[in-house]
């Protein structure tokens, strides 16, 4: 019977190894990323000027975003003037976000390279982290301010329709192909 008990114990240990490995090696493989602190998706989002959920405080409180208003332009019955203004707002937002995103990526690369080279000290760390934080705040502000501008451009009926179409009023699930994330 002791051999049978040992066999069961070994089986349980083998069954637990994948979970144990995931818990003890959560960052395994990330050391091979170009920027250690950012996923490839985050890098692509920053380069493309995407919102990455930075404007959810606005989006989920009835302040529509220009990108999604453009996607829903027909359903929202935008006037020609609203459509022109929305496209201009979106283009301005995206240009600004791309510039900030590129600056943020450069600072993340500076931080990563400083650690990789072993040439970072407390003062340098504080400076680079402060720069990254400032850029992150500027990027979030950029996305939020265009939501503010969109709210001023749309009627209350259009905003209500937007909320319904985006699934924020609780009456429907997200339709296939619609993004929940901003």
C-alpha atoms as a PDB file:
ATOM      1  CA  UNK A   1       0.000   0.000   0.000  1.00  0.00           C
ATOM      2  CA  UNK A   2       2.808   2.520   0.624  1.00  0.00           C
ATOM      3  CA  UNK A   3       3.867   2.269  -3.033  1.00  0.00           C
ATOM      4  CA  UNK A   4       0.283   3.005  -4.091  1.00  0.00           C
ATOM      5  CA  UNK A   5       0.210   6.075  -1.813  1.00  0.00           C
ATOM      6  CA  UNK A   6       3.517   7.257  -3.262  1.00  0.00           C
ATOM      7  CA  UNK A   7       2.114   6.804  -6.771  1.00  0.00           C
ATOM      8  CA  UNK A   8      -0.919   8.940  -5.899  1.00  0.00           C
ATOM      9  CA  UNK A   9       1.283  11.626  -4.337  1.00  0.00           C
ATOM     10  CA  UNK A  10       3.486  11.737  -7.447  1.00  0.00           C
ATOM     11  CA  UNK A  11       0.405  11.958  -9.652  1.00  0.00           C
ATOM     12  CA  UNK A  12      -0.951  14.872  -7.632  1.00  0.00           C
ATOM     13  CA  UNK A  13       2.402  16.637  -7.784  1.00  0.00           C
ATOM     14  CA  UNK A  14       2.621  16.204 -11.545  1.00  0.00           C
ATOM     15  CA  UNK A  15      -0.945  17.505 -11.940  1.00  0.00           C
ATOM     16  CA  UNK A  16      -0.092  20.597  -9.861  1.00  0.00           C
ATOM     17  CA  UNK A  17       3.131  21.472 -11.715  1.00  0.00           C
ATOM     18  CA  UNK A  18       1.566  23.508 -14.569  1.00  0.00           C
ATOM     19  CA  UNK A  19      -0.301  25.715 -12.076  1.00  0.00           C
ATOM     20  CA  UNK A  20       2.752  26.034  -9.877  1.00  0.00           C
ATOM     21  CA  UNK A  21       4.883  26.951 -12.884  1.00  0.00           C
ATOM     22  CA  UNK A  22       2.381  29.654 -13.918  1.00  0.00           C
ATOM     23  CA  UNK A  23       2.411  31.094 -10.400  1.00  0.00           C
ATOM     24  CA  UNK A  24       6.190  31.117 -10.007  1.00  0.00           C
ATOM     25  CA  UNK A  25       7.082  32.165 -13.565  1.00  0.00           C
ATOM     26  CA  UNK A  26       4.456  34.790 -14.481  1.00  0.00           C
ATOM     27  CA  UNK A  27       6.891  36.879 -16.538  1.00  0.00           C
ATOM     28  CA  UNK A  28       8.696  34.041 -18.319  1.00  0.00           C
ATOM     29  CA  UNK A  29       9.264  34.976 -21.948  1.00  0.00           C
ATOM     30  CA  UNK A  30       8.728  38.690 -21.405  1.00  0.00           C
ATOM     31  CA  UNK A  31      12.489  39.186 -21.171  1.00  0.00           C
ATOM     32  CA  UNK A  32      12.544  38.688 -24.949  1.00  0.00           C
ATOM     33  CA  UNK A  33      10.169  41.573 -25.707  1.00  0.00           C
ATOM     34  CA  UNK A  34      11.491  44.699 -27.402  1.00  0.00           C
ATOM     35  CA  UNK A  35      10.207  46.853 -24.547  1.00  0.00           C
ATOM     36  CA  UNK A  36      10.035  44.742 -21.438  1.00  0.00           C
ATOM     37  CA  UNK A  37       7.285  46.785 -19.737  1.00  0.00           C
ATOM     38  CA  UNK A  38       4.869  46.856 -22.713  1.00  0.00           C
ATOM     39  CA  UNK A  39       3.136  44.151 -24.702  1.00  0.00           C
ATOM     40  CA  UNK A  40       3.236  44.208 -28.496  1.00  0.00           C
ATOM     41  CA  UNK A  41      -0.445  45.235 -28.459  1.00  0.00           C
ATOM     42  CA  UNK A  42       0.300  48.196 -26.188  1.00  0.00           C
ATOM     43  CA  UNK A  43       3.159  49.283 -28.454  1.00  0.00           C
ATOM     44  CA  UNK A  44       0.907  49.051 -31.522  1.00  0.00           C
ATOM     45  CA  UNK A  45      -1.884  50.956 -29.757  1.00  0.00           C
ATOM     46  CA  UNK A  46       0.488  53.764 -28.770  1.00  0.00           C
ATOM     47  CA  UNK A  47       1.881  54.011 -32.292  1.00  0.00           C
ATOM     48  CA  UNK A  48      -1.631  54.124 -33.775  1.00  0.00           C
ATOM     49  CA  UNK A  49      -2.990  56.666 -31.286  1.00  0.00           C
ATOM     50  CA  UNK A  50      -5.680  54.297 -29.968  1.00  0.00           C
ATOM     51  CA  UNK A  51      -7.423  55.068 -26.706  1.00  0.00           C
ATOM     52  CA  UNK A  52      -6.618  51.854 -24.805  1.00  0.00           C
ATOM     53  CA  UNK A  53      -9.414  52.537 -22.336  1.00  0.00           C
ATOM     54  CA  UNK A  54      -7.862  55.833 -21.215  1.00  0.00           C
ATOM     55  CA  UNK A  55     -11.124  57.718 -21.760  1.00  0.00           C
ATOM     56  CA  UNK A  56     -13.510  55.310 -20.045  1.00  0.00           C
ATOM     57  CA  UNK A  57     -14.402  57.917 -17.414  1.00  0.00           C
ATOM     58  CA  UNK A  58     -15.876  59.975 -20.249  1.00  0.00           C
ATOM     59  CA  UNK A  59     -17.084  57.173 -22.526  1.00  0.00           C
ATOM     60  CA  UNK A  60     -19.106  55.435 -19.823  1.00  0.00           C
ATOM     61  CA  UNK A  61     -20.619  58.683 -18.545  1.00  0.00           C
ATOM     62  CA  UNK A  62     -22.268  59.823 -21.782  1.00  0.00           C
ATOM     63  CA  UNK A  63     -19.323  61.648 -23.353  1.00  0.00           C
ATOM     64  CA  UNK A  64     -18.963  59.888 -26.722  1.00  0.00           C
ATOM     65  CA  UNK A  65     -15.618  59.495 -28.421  1.00  0.00           C
ATOM     66  CA  UNK A  66     -14.993  60.772 -31.947  1.00  0.00           C
ATOM     67  CA  UNK A  67     -13.831  57.430 -33.306  1.00  0.00           C
ATOM     68  CA  UNK A  68     -16.972  55.640 -32.226  1.00  0.00           C
ATOM     69  CA  UNK A  69     -19.224  58.506 -33.309  1.00  0.00           C
ATOM     70  CA  UNK A  70     -17.723  58.171 -36.792  1.00  0.00           C
ATOM     71  CA  UNK A  71     -18.358  54.429 -36.718  1.00  0.00           C
ATOM     72  CA  UNK A  72     -21.991  55.100 -35.801  1.00  0.00           C
ATOM     73  CA  UNK A  73     -22.471  58.252 -37.904  1.00  0.00           C
ATOM     74  CA  UNK A  74     -25.364  56.890 -39.952  1.00  0.00           C
ATOM     75  CA  UNK A  75     -27.203  55.424 -36.944  1.00  0.00           C
ATOM     76  CA  UNK A  76     -26.726  58.699 -35.054  1.00  0.00           C
ATOM     77  CA  UNK A  77     -28.030  60.667 -38.035  1.00  0.00           C
ATOM     78  CA  UNK A  78     -25.121  63.093 -37.948  1.00  0.00           C
ATOM     79  CA  UNK A  79     -25.610  66.240 -39.962  1.00  0.00           C
ATOM     80  CA  UNK A  80     -23.015  67.016 -42.606  1.00  0.00           C
ATOM     81  CA  UNK A  81     -21.520  69.687 -40.354  1.00  0.00           C
ATOM     82  CA  UNK A  82     -21.373  67.264 -37.413  1.00  0.00           C
ATOM     83  CA  UNK A  83     -19.675  64.663 -39.596  1.00  0.00           C
ATOM     84  CA  UNK A  84     -17.057  67.131 -40.828  1.00  0.00           C
ATOM     85  CA  UNK A  85     -16.366  68.388 -37.309  1.00  0.00           C
ATOM     86  CA  UNK A  86     -16.228  64.851 -35.880  1.00  0.00           C
ATOM     87  CA  UNK A  87     -13.708  63.754 -38.531  1.00  0.00           C
ATOM     88  CA  UNK A  88     -11.589  66.823 -37.758  1.00  0.00           C
ATOM     89  CA  UNK A  89     -11.721  66.117 -34.020  1.00  0.00           C
ATOM     90  CA  UNK A  90     -10.791  62.472 -34.570  1.00  0.00           C
ATOM     91  CA  UNK A  91      -7.863  63.381 -36.833  1.00  0.00           C
ATOM     92  CA  UNK A  92      -6.592  65.993 -34.370  1.00  0.00           C
ATOM     93  CA  UNK A  93      -6.935  63.541 -31.471  1.00  0.00           C
ATOM     94  CA  UNK A  94      -5.153  60.789 -33.332  1.00  0.00           C
ATOM     95  CA  UNK A  95      -2.276  63.046 -34.449  1.00  0.00           C
ATOM     96  CA  UNK A  96      -1.750  64.289 -30.903  1.00  0.00           C
ATOM     97  CA  UNK A  97      -2.038  60.796 -29.416  1.00  0.00           C
ATOM     98  CA  UNK A  98       0.462  59.349 -31.908  1.00  0.00           C
ATOM     99  CA  UNK A  99       3.018  62.052 -31.069  1.00  0.00           C
ATOM    100  CA  UNK A 100       2.607  61.484 -27.337  1.00  0.00           C
ATOM    101  CA  UNK A 101       2.614  57.714 -27.830  1.00  0.00           C
ATOM    102  CA  UNK A 102       5.912  57.871 -29.727  1.00  0.00           C
ATOM    103  CA  UNK A 103       7.435  60.034 -26.982  1.00  0.00           C
ATOM    104  CA  UNK A 104       6.170  57.579 -24.364  1.00  0.00           C
ATOM    105  CA  UNK A 105       7.675  54.646 -26.251  1.00  0.00           C
ATOM    106  CA  UNK A 106      11.006  56.487 -26.445  1.00  0.00           C
ATOM    107  CA  UNK A 107      11.000  57.061 -22.682  1.00  0.00           C
ATOM    108  CA  UNK A 108      10.080  53.418 -22.025  1.00  0.00           C
ATOM    109  CA  UNK A 109      12.973  52.391 -24.261  1.00  0.00           C
ATOM    110  CA  UNK A 110      15.301  54.751 -22.372  1.00  0.00           C
ATOM    111  CA  UNK A 111      14.230  53.159 -19.077  1.00  0.00           C
ATOM    112  CA  UNK A 112      14.592  49.627 -20.417  1.00  0.00           C
ATOM    113  CA  UNK A 113      18.035  50.315 -21.907  1.00  0.00           C
ATOM    114  CA  UNK A 114      19.262  51.971 -18.707  1.00  0.00           C
ATOM    115  CA  UNK A 115      18.354  48.878 -16.701  1.00  0.00           C
ATOM    116  CA  UNK A 116      19.731  46.519 -19.371  1.00  0.00           C
ATOM    117  CA  UNK A 117      23.062  48.389 -19.400  1.00  0.00           C
ATOM    118  CA  UNK A 118      23.211  48.504 -15.605  1.00  0.00           C
ATOM    119  CA  UNK A 119      23.694  52.276 -15.739  1.00  0.00           C
ATOM    120  CA  UNK A 120      20.689  53.568 -13.850  1.00  0.00           C
ATOM    121  CA  UNK A 121      20.793  55.301 -10.512  1.00  0.00           C
ATOM    122  CA  UNK A 122      18.069  56.698  -8.284  1.00  0.00           C
ATOM    123  CA  UNK A 123      18.158  60.194  -9.792  1.00  0.00           C
ATOM    124  CA  UNK A 124      17.980  58.864 -13.351  1.00  0.00           C
ATOM    125  CA  UNK A 125      15.206  56.492 -12.405  1.00  0.00           C
ATOM    126  CA  UNK A 126      13.197  59.292 -10.806  1.00  0.00           C
ATOM    127  CA  UNK A 127      13.634  61.505 -13.884  1.00  0.00           C
ATOM    128  CA  UNK A 128      12.629  58.881 -16.446  1.00  0.00           C
ATOM    129  CA  UNK A 129       9.671  57.643 -14.401  1.00  0.00           C
ATOM    130  CA  UNK A 130       8.480  61.236 -13.933  1.00  0.00           C
ATOM    131  CA  UNK A 131       8.757  61.796 -17.697  1.00  0.00           C
ATOM    132  CA  UNK A 132       6.797  58.596 -18.395  1.00  0.00           C
ATOM    133  CA  UNK A 133       4.131  59.574 -15.877  1.00  0.00           C
ATOM    134  CA  UNK A 134       3.779  63.035 -17.386  1.00  0.00           C
ATOM    135  CA  UNK A 135       3.396  61.567 -20.876  1.00  0.00           C
ATOM    136  CA  UNK A 136       0.833  59.018 -19.664  1.00  0.00           C
ATOM    137  CA  UNK A 137      -1.173  61.837 -18.098  1.00  0.00           C
ATOM    138  CA  UNK A 138      -0.916  63.926 -21.255  1.00  0.00           C
ATOM    139  CA  UNK A 139      -2.072  60.990 -23.364  1.00  0.00           C
ATOM    140  CA  UNK A 140      -5.072  60.395 -21.134  1.00  0.00           C
ATOM    141  CA  UNK A 141      -5.943  64.094 -21.125  1.00  0.00           C
ATOM    142  CA  UNK A 142      -5.702  64.137 -24.914  1.00  0.00           C
ATOM    143  CA  UNK A 143      -8.242  61.346 -25.306  1.00  0.00           C
ATOM    144  CA  UNK A 144     -10.579  62.732 -22.630  1.00  0.00           C
ATOM    145  CA  UNK A 145     -10.647  66.276 -24.009  1.00  0.00           C
ATOM    146  CA  UNK A 146     -11.930  65.043 -27.366  1.00  0.00           C
ATOM    147  CA  UNK A 147     -14.758  63.223 -25.634  1.00  0.00           C
ATOM    148  CA  UNK A 148     -15.620  66.531 -24.007  1.00  0.00           C
ATOM    149  CA  UNK A 149     -15.639  68.218 -27.412  1.00  0.00           C
ATOM    150  CA  UNK A 150     -17.859  65.488 -28.874  1.00  0.00           C
ATOM    151  CA  UNK A 151     -20.456  65.892 -26.164  1.00  0.00           C
ATOM    152  CA  UNK A 152     -20.758  69.580 -27.021  1.00  0.00           C
ATOM    153  CA  UNK A 153     -21.249  68.701 -30.686  1.00  0.00           C
ATOM    154  CA  UNK A 154     -24.024  66.123 -30.301  1.00  0.00           C
ATOM    155  CA  UNK A 155     -27.645  66.561 -29.274  1.00  0.00           C
ATOM    156  CA  UNK A 156     -28.967  64.857 -26.153  1.00  0.00           C
ATOM    157  CA  UNK A 157     -30.949  62.482 -28.411  1.00  0.00           C
ATOM    158  CA  UNK A 158     -27.781  61.556 -30.305  1.00  0.00           C
ATOM    159  CA  UNK A 159     -25.939  60.935 -27.045  1.00  0.00           C
ATOM    160  CA  UNK A 160     -28.774  58.725 -25.803  1.00  0.00           C
ATOM    161  CA  UNK A 161     -28.733  56.825 -29.108  1.00  0.00           C
ATOM    162  CA  UNK A 162     -24.944  56.481 -28.860  1.00  0.00           C
ATOM    163  CA  UNK A 163     -25.245  55.009 -25.369  1.00  0.00           C
ATOM    164  CA  UNK A 164     -27.854  52.541 -26.602  1.00  0.00           C
ATOM    165  CA  UNK A 165     -25.824  51.565 -29.666  1.00  0.00           C
ATOM    166  CA  UNK A 166     -22.703  51.072 -27.553  1.00  0.00           C
ATOM    167  CA  UNK A 167     -24.637  48.989 -25.023  1.00  0.00           C
ATOM    168  CA  UNK A 168     -24.248  51.394 -22.108  1.00  0.00           C
ATOM    169  CA  UNK A 169     -27.926  51.680 -21.276  1.00  0.00           C
ATOM    170  CA  UNK A 170     -28.282  48.005 -20.340  1.00  0.00           C
ATOM    171  CA  UNK A 171     -30.789  47.183 -23.098  1.00  0.00           C
ATOM    172  CA  UNK A 172     -28.472  45.129 -25.313  1.00  0.00           C
ATOM    173  CA  UNK A 173     -25.256  43.189 -25.406  1.00  0.00           C
ATOM    174  CA  UNK A 174     -22.335  44.384 -27.477  1.00  0.00           C
ATOM    175  CA  UNK A 175     -22.927  43.531 -31.109  1.00  0.00           C
ATOM    176  CA  UNK A 176     -20.339  41.445 -32.946  1.00  0.00           C
ATOM    177  CA  UNK A 177     -17.557  43.649 -34.259  1.00  0.00           C
ATOM    178  CA  UNK A 178     -18.170  46.481 -31.781  1.00  0.00           C
ATOM    179  CA  UNK A 179     -15.416  47.274 -29.346  1.00  0.00           C
ATOM    180  CA  UNK A 180     -16.096  47.644 -25.675  1.00  0.00           C
ATOM    181  CA  UNK A 181     -12.690  49.173 -25.189  1.00  0.00           C
ATOM    182  CA  UNK A 182     -12.008  52.726 -26.270  1.00  0.00           C
END
